[in-house]
Amino acid sequence: MSEIHPNQRVAVLADSQNLYHTAQSMYTRNIDYAALLEESVSDRELTRAIAYVIRADAPEEESFFDALVDIGFETQIKDIKTFPDGSKKADWDVGICLDAITLANHVDTIVLCTGDGDFTRLCHHLKHEGVRIEVICFAESTADELVEAADSFVDMSEDTDRFLL
């Protein structure tokens, strides 16, 4: 594990669907992405910040995407898929993993903003490559194995006035 230092290069990967659903179900509020990015970078050198979002033709989603860009995030946008039986699917797990692995040679730390335990194996791989892994999410919805795999964990539930709008 690399230690935190002032010139540390950081990439922030935000699983917006995971964050959104947790914030809505637990607090009926939205994520403050400016505060999330500020906490993630913490006076280090930001290399990339990517927010992975789903286009579901919801009202005001384009203004949300624009706001993310204004804050400093690149947006990766995927259209929601609707199947013949009416079920819907949209996730960025593979895209987040590919970007994290690609960025690993260019950063010292990757901050995963998600509670999804599917990223546990990714954490192990990146740590083996010498990358520090930090996770920021709500403890109540974050998989224990993801917290254990990370070098550090920030529980957004401990400061909802900061992390929620």
N, C-alpha and C. Protein backbone atom coordinates (compact mmCIF):
# COMPACT_ATOMS: atom_id res chain seq x y z
N MET A 1 0.84 -1.18 0.00
CA MET A 1 0.00 0.00 0.00
C MET A 1 0.88 1.23 0.00
N SER A 2 0.56 2.16 -0.89
CA SER A 2 1.27 3.43 -0.87
C SER A 2 0.63 4.32 0.19
N GLU A 3 1.46 5.15 0.79
CA GLU A 3 0.97 6.06 1.82
C GLU A 3 0.49 7.36 1.18
N ILE A 4 -0.28 8.12 1.92
CA ILE A 4 -0.77 9.41 1.43
C ILE A 4 0.37 10.42 1.49
N HIS A 5 0.56 11.19 0.41
CA HIS A 5 1.55 12.26 0.38
C HIS A 5 1.02 13.38 -0.51
N PRO A 6 1.54 14.61 -0.36
CA PRO A 6 0.98 15.77 -1.05
C PRO A 6 0.95 15.68 -2.57
N ASN A 7 1.93 15.06 -3.19
CA ASN A 7 1.98 14.98 -4.65
C ASN A 7 1.34 13.71 -5.19
N GLN A 8 0.59 13.04 -4.35
CA GLN A 8 -0.03 11.79 -4.75
C GLN A 8 -1.04 12.04 -5.88
N ARG A 9 -0.96 11.21 -6.92
CA ARG A 9 -1.87 11.31 -8.05
C ARG A 9 -3.10 10.44 -7.77
N VAL A 10 -4.28 11.05 -7.91
CA VAL A 10 -5.52 10.39 -7.52
C VAL A 10 -6.50 10.34 -8.69
N ALA A 11 -7.14 9.19 -8.85
CA ALA A 11 -8.27 9.05 -9.77
C ALA A 11 -9.50 8.73 -8.93
N VAL A 12 -10.61 9.38 -9.25
CA VAL A 12 -11.86 9.20 -8.53
C VAL A 12 -12.87 8.59 -9.50
N LEU A 13 -13.41 7.42 -9.12
CA LEU A 13 -14.39 6.72 -9.95
C LEU A 13 -15.69 6.60 -9.16
N ALA A 14 -16.71 7.33 -9.61
CA ALA A 14 -17.97 7.40 -8.86
C ALA A 14 -19.07 6.59 -9.55
N ASP A 15 -19.54 5.58 -8.86
CA ASP A 15 -20.64 4.73 -9.32
C ASP A 15 -21.94 5.45 -8.96
N SER A 16 -22.37 6.34 -9.85
CA SER A 16 -23.48 7.25 -9.53
C SER A 16 -24.79 6.53 -9.22
N GLN A 17 -25.07 5.43 -9.89
CA GLN A 17 -26.30 4.69 -9.61
C GLN A 17 -26.29 4.14 -8.19
N ASN A 18 -25.18 3.57 -7.78
CA ASN A 18 -25.06 3.02 -6.44
C ASN A 18 -25.24 4.13 -5.40
N LEU A 19 -24.57 5.25 -5.60
CA LEU A 19 -24.67 6.37 -4.67
C LEU A 19 -26.09 6.94 -4.63
N TYR A 20 -26.69 7.12 -5.80
CA TYR A 20 -28.03 7.68 -5.90
C TYR A 20 -29.06 6.83 -5.16
N HIS A 21 -29.05 5.54 -5.45
CA HIS A 21 -30.07 4.67 -4.84
C HIS A 21 -29.92 4.61 -3.32
N THR A 22 -28.70 4.61 -2.84
CA THR A 22 -28.49 4.60 -1.39
C THR A 22 -28.96 5.90 -0.77
N ALA A 23 -28.56 7.02 -1.35
CA ALA A 23 -28.95 8.33 -0.80
C ALA A 23 -30.46 8.50 -0.82
N GLN A 24 -31.11 8.03 -1.88
CA GLN A 24 -32.56 8.15 -1.97
C GLN A 24 -33.27 7.23 -0.98
N SER A 25 -32.84 5.97 -0.91
CA SER A 25 -33.54 5.02 -0.05
C SER A 25 -33.32 5.29 1.43
N MET A 26 -32.13 5.78 1.79
CA MET A 26 -31.83 5.99 3.21
C MET A 26 -32.19 7.40 3.69
N TYR A 27 -32.04 8.40 2.82
CA TYR A 27 -32.17 9.79 3.26
C TYR A 27 -33.14 10.63 2.42
N THR A 28 -33.62 10.10 1.32
CA THR A 28 -34.46 10.83 0.37
C THR A 28 -33.79 12.15 -0.02
N ARG A 29 -32.49 12.08 -0.26
CA ARG A 29 -31.70 13.24 -0.65
C ARG A 29 -30.76 12.85 -1.77
N ASN A 30 -30.10 13.84 -2.34
CA ASN A 30 -29.15 13.61 -3.43
C ASN A 30 -27.72 13.80 -2.95
N ILE A 31 -26.80 13.26 -3.70
CA ILE A 31 -25.38 13.35 -3.38
C ILE A 31 -24.86 14.74 -3.73
N ASP A 32 -24.01 15.29 -2.86
CA ASP A 32 -23.28 16.52 -3.15
C ASP A 32 -21.96 16.10 -3.78
N TYR A 33 -21.92 16.09 -5.10
CA TYR A 33 -20.73 15.61 -5.81
C TYR A 33 -19.52 16.52 -5.63
N ALA A 34 -19.73 17.80 -5.38
CA ALA A 34 -18.60 18.70 -5.12
C ALA A 34 -17.92 18.29 -3.81
N ALA A 35 -18.71 18.00 -2.78
CA ALA A 35 -18.14 17.55 -1.50
C ALA A 35 -17.49 16.19 -1.64
N LEU A 36 -18.09 15.32 -2.42
CA LEU A 36 -17.53 13.98 -2.66
C LEU A 36 -16.16 14.10 -3.33
N LEU A 37 -16.06 14.96 -4.34
CA LEU A 37 -14.79 15.13 -5.04
C LEU A 37 -13.75 15.77 -4.13
N GLU A 38 -14.16 16.76 -3.36
CA GLU A 38 -13.24 17.42 -2.42
C GLU A 38 -12.67 16.42 -1.41
N GLU A 39 -13.53 15.58 -0.84
CA GLU A 39 -13.09 14.56 0.12
C GLU A 39 -12.17 13.54 -0.55
N SER A 40 -12.50 13.16 -1.76
CA SER A 40 -11.72 12.16 -2.48
C SER A 40 -10.31 12.64 -2.78
N VAL A 41 -10.18 13.88 -3.16
CA VAL A 41 -8.88 14.41 -3.56
C VAL A 41 -8.04 14.80 -2.34
N SER A 42 -8.64 15.46 -1.38
CA SER A 42 -7.97 15.81 -0.11
C SER A 42 -6.58 16.41 -0.31
N ASP A 43 -6.49 17.51 -1.01
CA ASP A 43 -5.23 18.23 -1.21
C ASP A 43 -4.17 17.42 -1.96
N ARG A 44 -4.59 16.43 -2.71
CA ARG A 44 -3.66 15.68 -3.55
C ARG A 44 -3.86 16.12 -5.00
N GLU A 45 -3.14 15.53 -5.91
CA GLU A 45 -3.21 15.90 -7.32
C GLU A 45 -4.25 15.05 -8.05
N LEU A 46 -5.33 15.67 -8.50
CA LEU A 46 -6.38 14.95 -9.22
C LEU A 46 -5.92 14.67 -10.65
N THR A 47 -5.90 13.40 -11.00
CA THR A 47 -5.54 12.98 -12.35
C THR A 47 -6.80 12.87 -13.21
N ARG A 48 -7.79 12.15 -12.70
CA ARG A 48 -9.08 11.99 -13.40
C ARG A 48 -10.17 11.81 -12.38
N ALA A 49 -11.34 12.34 -12.69
CA ALA A 49 -12.55 12.09 -11.91
C ALA A 49 -13.63 11.70 -12.92
N ILE A 50 -14.17 10.51 -12.76
CA ILE A 50 -15.15 10.00 -13.70
C ILE A 50 -16.41 9.61 -12.94
N ALA A 51 -17.54 10.11 -13.40
CA ALA A 51 -18.84 9.72 -12.84
C ALA A 51 -19.53 8.84 -13.89
N TYR A 52 -19.91 7.66 -13.47
CA TYR A 52 -20.57 6.69 -14.34
C TYR A 52 -22.06 6.82 -14.11
N VAL A 53 -22.78 7.28 -15.16
CA VAL A 53 -24.20 7.58 -15.02
C VAL A 53 -25.01 6.80 -16.04
N ILE A 54 -26.30 6.72 -15.75
CA ILE A 54 -27.25 6.01 -16.61
C ILE A 54 -28.26 7.01 -17.16
N ARG A 55 -28.46 6.97 -18.47
CA ARG A 55 -29.49 7.80 -19.09
C ARG A 55 -30.78 6.99 -19.10
N ALA A 56 -31.78 7.50 -18.39
CA ALA A 56 -33.06 6.79 -18.29
C ALA A 56 -34.22 7.67 -18.76
N ASP A 57 -33.89 8.74 -19.49
CA ASP A 57 -34.89 9.69 -19.97
C ASP A 57 -35.73 10.26 -18.82
N ALA A 58 -35.07 10.52 -17.70
CA ALA A 58 -35.73 11.12 -16.54
C ALA A 58 -35.64 12.63 -16.66
N PRO A 59 -36.62 13.32 -16.07
CA PRO A 59 -36.57 14.78 -16.11
C PRO A 59 -35.29 15.30 -15.45
N GLU A 60 -34.70 16.29 -16.04
CA GLU A 60 -33.54 17.00 -15.50
C GLU A 60 -32.25 16.18 -15.46
N GLU A 61 -32.21 14.98 -16.06
CA GLU A 61 -30.96 14.22 -15.99
C GLU A 61 -29.85 14.88 -16.79
N GLU A 62 -30.17 15.52 -17.90
CA GLU A 62 -29.12 16.19 -18.69
C GLU A 62 -28.51 17.34 -17.89
N SER A 63 -29.32 18.06 -17.12
CA SER A 63 -28.76 19.15 -16.30
C SER A 63 -27.89 18.56 -15.18
N PHE A 64 -28.24 17.38 -14.68
CA PHE A 64 -27.40 16.69 -13.69
C PHE A 64 -26.07 16.31 -14.31
N PHE A 65 -26.08 15.77 -15.53
CA PHE A 65 -24.85 15.40 -16.22
C PHE A 65 -23.97 16.63 -16.42
N ASP A 66 -24.59 17.75 -16.83
CA ASP A 66 -23.85 19.01 -17.03
C ASP A 66 -23.26 19.50 -15.71
N ALA A 67 -24.01 19.36 -14.63
CA ALA A 67 -23.52 19.79 -13.31
C ALA A 67 -22.30 18.98 -12.90
N LEU A 68 -22.32 17.69 -13.17
CA LEU A 68 -21.15 16.85 -12.87
C LEU A 68 -19.91 17.35 -13.59
N VAL A 69 -20.06 17.71 -14.84
CA VAL A 69 -18.94 18.23 -15.63
C VAL A 69 -18.45 19.56 -15.03
N ASP A 70 -19.38 20.43 -14.66
CA ASP A 70 -19.03 21.72 -14.05
C ASP A 70 -18.25 21.53 -12.75
N ILE A 71 -18.57 20.49 -12.01
CA ILE A 71 -17.89 20.19 -10.74
C ILE A 71 -16.47 19.68 -10.99
N GLY A 72 -16.26 19.01 -12.12
CA GLY A 72 -14.92 18.50 -12.43
C GLY A 72 -14.88 17.03 -12.81
N PHE A 73 -16.04 16.43 -12.95
CA PHE A 73 -16.12 15.02 -13.35
C PHE A 73 -16.24 14.91 -14.86
N GLU A 74 -15.60 13.91 -15.42
CA GLU A 74 -15.95 13.45 -16.76
C GLU A 74 -17.18 12.56 -16.56
N THR A 75 -18.06 12.52 -17.53
CA THR A 75 -19.19 11.61 -17.41
C THR A 75 -19.08 10.50 -18.44
N GLN A 76 -19.29 9.30 -17.96
CA GLN A 76 -19.46 8.14 -18.83
C GLN A 76 -20.94 7.81 -18.75
N ILE A 77 -21.61 7.88 -19.89
CA ILE A 77 -23.07 7.73 -19.92
C ILE A 77 -23.45 6.46 -20.66
N LYS A 78 -24.34 5.71 -20.04
CA LYS A 78 -24.86 4.48 -20.65
C LYS A 78 -26.38 4.57 -20.62
N ASP A 79 -27.01 4.17 -21.73
CA ASP A 79 -28.47 4.14 -21.78
C ASP A 79 -28.99 2.93 -21.02
N ILE A 80 -30.10 3.11 -20.32
CA ILE A 80 -30.73 2.00 -19.62
C ILE A 80 -31.30 1.03 -20.66
N LYS A 81 -31.19 -0.25 -20.38
CA LYS A 81 -31.72 -1.27 -21.29
C LYS A 81 -33.03 -1.80 -20.72
N THR A 82 -34.05 -1.84 -21.57
CA THR A 82 -35.33 -2.41 -21.18
C THR A 82 -35.53 -3.70 -21.98
N PHE A 83 -35.80 -4.77 -21.26
CA PHE A 83 -35.96 -6.09 -21.87
C PHE A 83 -37.43 -6.34 -22.21
N PRO A 84 -37.71 -7.33 -23.10
CA PRO A 84 -39.09 -7.61 -23.51
C PRO A 84 -40.05 -7.86 -22.34
N ASP A 85 -39.54 -8.41 -21.23
CA ASP A 85 -40.42 -8.68 -20.09
C ASP A 85 -40.65 -7.43 -19.23
N GLY A 86 -40.08 -6.29 -19.65
CA GLY A 86 -40.27 -5.04 -18.91
C GLY A 86 -39.17 -4.76 -17.89
N SER A 87 -38.34 -5.75 -17.61
CA SER A 87 -37.26 -5.52 -16.65
C SER A 87 -36.21 -4.59 -17.26
N LYS A 88 -35.48 -3.91 -16.38
CA LYS A 88 -34.48 -2.95 -16.82
C LYS A 88 -33.14 -3.28 -16.19
N LYS A 89 -32.08 -2.95 -16.94
CA LYS A 89 -30.74 -3.19 -16.43
C LYS A 89 -29.83 -2.08 -16.90
N ALA A 90 -28.99 -1.65 -15.99
CA ALA A 90 -27.96 -0.67 -16.33
C ALA A 90 -26.94 -0.65 -15.20
N ASP A 91 -25.75 -1.05 -15.51
CA ASP A 91 -24.69 -0.90 -14.52
C ASP A 91 -23.37 -0.68 -15.25
N TRP A 92 -22.43 -0.17 -14.51
CA TRP A 92 -21.14 0.20 -15.06
C TRP A 92 -20.00 -0.64 -14.49
N ASP A 93 -20.29 -1.77 -13.88
CA ASP A 93 -19.25 -2.54 -13.20
C ASP A 93 -18.05 -2.84 -14.09
N VAL A 94 -18.29 -3.35 -15.29
CA VAL A 94 -17.18 -3.70 -16.18
C VAL A 94 -16.43 -2.44 -16.61
N GLY A 95 -17.16 -1.38 -16.94
CA GLY A 95 -16.52 -0.13 -17.35
C GLY A 95 -15.66 0.47 -16.25
N ILE A 96 -16.15 0.45 -15.03
CA ILE A 96 -15.38 0.96 -13.90
C ILE A 96 -14.11 0.13 -13.71
N CYS A 97 -14.25 -1.18 -13.77
CA CYS A 97 -13.08 -2.06 -13.62
C CYS A 97 -12.04 -1.80 -14.71
N LEU A 98 -12.48 -1.70 -15.94
CA LEU A 98 -11.54 -1.47 -17.04
C LEU A 98 -10.82 -0.13 -16.88
N ASP A 99 -11.57 0.91 -16.52
CA ASP A 99 -10.94 2.22 -16.33
C ASP A 99 -9.97 2.19 -15.16
N ALA A 100 -10.33 1.53 -14.07
CA ALA A 100 -9.44 1.46 -12.91
C ALA A 100 -8.14 0.74 -13.27
N ILE A 101 -8.24 -0.35 -13.99
CA ILE A 101 -7.04 -1.10 -14.37
C ILE A 101 -6.19 -0.28 -15.34
N THR A 102 -6.83 0.43 -16.27
CA THR A 102 -6.10 1.28 -17.20
C THR A 102 -5.40 2.43 -16.48
N LEU A 103 -6.05 3.01 -15.49
CA LEU A 103 -5.49 4.14 -14.76
C LEU A 103 -4.41 3.74 -13.76
N ALA A 104 -4.36 2.48 -13.39
CA ALA A 104 -3.47 2.02 -12.32
C ALA A 104 -2.01 2.40 -12.55
N ASN A 105 -1.56 2.42 -13.78
CA ASN A 105 -0.17 2.77 -14.07
C ASN A 105 0.09 4.27 -14.08
N HIS A 106 -0.96 5.06 -13.91
CA HIS A 106 -0.83 6.51 -14.01
C HIS A 106 -1.16 7.25 -12.72
N VAL A 107 -1.56 6.51 -11.70
CA VAL A 107 -1.96 7.13 -10.43
C VAL A 107 -1.35 6.36 -9.26
N ASP A 108 -1.37 7.01 -8.10
CA ASP A 108 -0.94 6.37 -6.86
C ASP A 108 -2.12 5.81 -6.09
N THR A 109 -3.28 6.48 -6.25
CA THR A 109 -4.48 6.11 -5.49
C THR A 109 -5.69 6.13 -6.41
N ILE A 110 -6.56 5.15 -6.22
CA ILE A 110 -7.87 5.16 -6.87
C ILE A 110 -8.91 5.20 -5.76
N VAL A 111 -9.81 6.18 -5.87
CA VAL A 111 -10.91 6.31 -4.93
C VAL A 111 -12.16 5.77 -5.61
N LEU A 112 -12.71 4.70 -5.04
CA LEU A 112 -13.96 4.12 -5.55
C LEU A 112 -15.11 4.66 -4.71
N CYS A 113 -16.02 5.36 -5.36
CA CYS A 113 -17.19 5.90 -4.67
C CYS A 113 -18.36 4.97 -4.96
N THR A 114 -18.44 3.91 -4.17
CA THR A 114 -19.45 2.87 -4.34
C THR A 114 -19.43 1.98 -3.11
N GLY A 115 -20.51 1.26 -2.91
CA GLY A 115 -20.55 0.27 -1.84
C GLY A 115 -20.67 -1.14 -2.37
N ASP A 116 -20.58 -1.28 -3.68
CA ASP A 116 -20.81 -2.54 -4.37
C ASP A 116 -19.67 -3.53 -4.11
N GLY A 117 -20.00 -4.62 -3.47
CA GLY A 117 -19.03 -5.66 -3.15
C GLY A 117 -18.42 -6.33 -4.37
N ASP A 118 -19.03 -6.14 -5.55
CA ASP A 118 -18.46 -6.71 -6.77
C ASP A 118 -17.08 -6.14 -7.07
N PHE A 119 -16.74 -4.99 -6.46
CA PHE A 119 -15.44 -4.37 -6.71
C PHE A 119 -14.34 -4.87 -5.78
N THR A 120 -14.65 -5.82 -4.93
CA THR A 120 -13.66 -6.35 -3.98
C THR A 120 -12.46 -6.96 -4.71
N ARG A 121 -12.72 -7.78 -5.70
CA ARG A 121 -11.63 -8.41 -6.45
C ARG A 121 -10.78 -7.36 -7.15
N LEU A 122 -11.41 -6.32 -7.67
CA LEU A 122 -10.68 -5.22 -8.30
C LEU A 122 -9.73 -4.58 -7.29
N CYS A 123 -10.19 -4.35 -6.07
CA CYS A 123 -9.35 -3.77 -5.02
C CYS A 123 -8.11 -4.63 -4.78
N HIS A 124 -8.31 -5.92 -4.66
CA HIS A 124 -7.18 -6.82 -4.44
C HIS A 124 -6.17 -6.74 -5.59
N HIS A 125 -6.68 -6.73 -6.80
CA HIS A 125 -5.81 -6.66 -7.97
C HIS A 125 -5.02 -5.35 -7.98
N LEU A 126 -5.69 -4.23 -7.77
CA LEU A 126 -5.03 -2.93 -7.82
C LEU A 126 -3.99 -2.78 -6.70
N LYS A 127 -4.32 -3.28 -5.52
CA LYS A 127 -3.35 -3.23 -4.42
C LYS A 127 -2.12 -4.06 -4.75
N HIS A 128 -2.32 -5.19 -5.40
CA HIS A 128 -1.19 -6.03 -5.83
C HIS A 128 -0.31 -5.27 -6.82
N GLU A 129 -0.91 -4.37 -7.59
CA GLU A 129 -0.18 -3.56 -8.55
C GLU A 129 0.46 -2.33 -7.90
N GLY A 130 0.27 -2.16 -6.58
CA GLY A 130 0.88 -1.05 -5.86
C GLY A 130 0.03 0.20 -5.76
N VAL A 131 -1.24 0.10 -6.10
CA VAL A 131 -2.13 1.25 -6.05
C VAL A 131 -2.87 1.27 -4.71
N ARG A 132 -2.92 2.43 -4.10
CA ARG A 132 -3.69 2.60 -2.87
C ARG A 132 -5.17 2.68 -3.25
N ILE A 133 -6.02 1.99 -2.50
CA ILE A 133 -7.45 1.98 -2.78
C ILE A 133 -8.21 2.58 -1.61
N GLU A 134 -9.01 3.59 -1.93
CA GLU A 134 -9.87 4.21 -0.93
C GLU A 134 -11.32 4.05 -1.40
N VAL A 135 -12.20 3.79 -0.45
CA VAL A 135 -13.62 3.64 -0.75
C VAL A 135 -14.38 4.70 0.03
N ILE A 136 -15.30 5.37 -0.66
CA ILE A 136 -16.17 6.35 -0.02
C ILE A 136 -17.60 5.97 -0.36
N CYS A 137 -18.40 5.73 0.67
CA CYS A 137 -19.81 5.40 0.48
C CYS A 137 -20.50 5.42 1.83
N PHE A 138 -21.73 4.99 1.87
CA PHE A 138 -22.50 4.90 3.11
C PHE A 138 -22.27 3.51 3.72
N ALA A 139 -21.87 3.47 4.97
CA ALA A 139 -21.53 2.19 5.62
C ALA A 139 -22.69 1.19 5.55
N GLU A 140 -23.91 1.69 5.70
CA GLU A 140 -25.06 0.80 5.75
C GLU A 140 -25.28 0.05 4.43
N SER A 141 -24.76 0.59 3.35
CA SER A 141 -24.97 -0.05 2.05
C SER A 141 -23.66 -0.49 1.40
N THR A 142 -22.60 -0.51 2.17
CA THR A 142 -21.30 -0.91 1.63
C THR A 142 -20.97 -2.32 2.09
N ALA A 143 -20.61 -3.16 1.14
CA ALA A 143 -20.26 -4.54 1.45
C ALA A 143 -19.06 -4.59 2.38
N ASP A 144 -19.15 -5.39 3.42
CA ASP A 144 -18.05 -5.53 4.38
C ASP A 144 -16.76 -5.93 3.69
N GLU A 145 -16.85 -6.83 2.71
CA GLU A 145 -15.65 -7.30 2.04
C GLU A 145 -14.97 -6.19 1.23
N LEU A 146 -15.76 -5.20 0.76
CA LEU A 146 -15.17 -4.06 0.04
C LEU A 146 -14.41 -3.16 1.02
N VAL A 147 -14.99 -2.92 2.18
CA VAL A 147 -14.32 -2.11 3.21
C VAL A 147 -13.01 -2.78 3.62
N GLU A 148 -13.05 -4.08 3.82
CA GLU A 148 -11.86 -4.83 4.24
C GLU A 148 -10.78 -4.83 3.16
N ALA A 149 -11.18 -4.82 1.89
CA ALA A 149 -10.22 -4.86 0.79
C ALA A 149 -9.55 -3.51 0.55
N ALA A 150 -10.19 -2.43 0.98
CA ALA A 150 -9.66 -1.09 0.75
C ALA A 150 -8.61 -0.72 1.79
N ASP A 151 -7.75 0.22 1.41
CA ASP A 151 -6.76 0.75 2.35
C ASP A 151 -7.41 1.71 3.34
N SER A 152 -8.47 2.38 2.89
CA SER A 152 -9.21 3.26 3.80
C SER A 152 -10.66 3.33 3.35
N PHE A 153 -11.53 3.69 4.30
CA PHE A 153 -12.96 3.79 4.03
C PHE A 153 -13.49 5.05 4.69
N VAL A 154 -14.21 5.86 3.92
CA VAL A 154 -14.89 7.04 4.45
C VAL A 154 -16.38 6.75 4.42
N ASP A 155 -17.00 6.82 5.59
CA ASP A 155 -18.43 6.57 5.72
C ASP A 155 -19.19 7.89 5.56
N MET A 156 -19.86 8.05 4.44
CA MET A 156 -20.61 9.27 4.17
C MET A 156 -21.76 9.46 5.15
N SER A 157 -22.21 8.39 5.77
CA SER A 157 -23.30 8.48 6.75
C SER A 157 -22.90 9.26 7.99
N GLU A 158 -21.59 9.34 8.25
CA GLU A 158 -21.12 10.06 9.43
C GLU A 158 -21.17 11.57 9.26
N ASP A 159 -21.36 12.05 8.02
CA ASP A 159 -21.42 13.48 7.78
C ASP A 159 -22.40 13.78 6.65
N THR A 160 -23.66 13.42 6.86
CA THR A 160 -24.66 13.59 5.80
C THR A 160 -24.87 15.06 5.44
N ASP A 161 -24.67 15.97 6.39
CA ASP A 161 -24.83 17.40 6.05
C ASP A 161 -23.79 17.84 5.02
N ARG A 162 -22.65 17.18 5.02
CA ARG A 162 -21.60 17.51 4.05
C ARG A 162 -21.83 16.82 2.71
N PHE A 163 -22.18 15.56 2.73
CA PHE A 163 -22.22 14.76 1.51
C PHE A 163 -23.57 14.70 0.80
N LEU A 164 -24.62 15.24 1.43
CA LEU A 164 -25.95 15.19 0.81
C LEU A 164 -26.51 16.60 0.63
N LEU A 165 -27.27 16.75 -0.43
CA LEU A 165 -27.94 18.05 -0.71
C LEU A 165 -29.31 18.05 -0.08
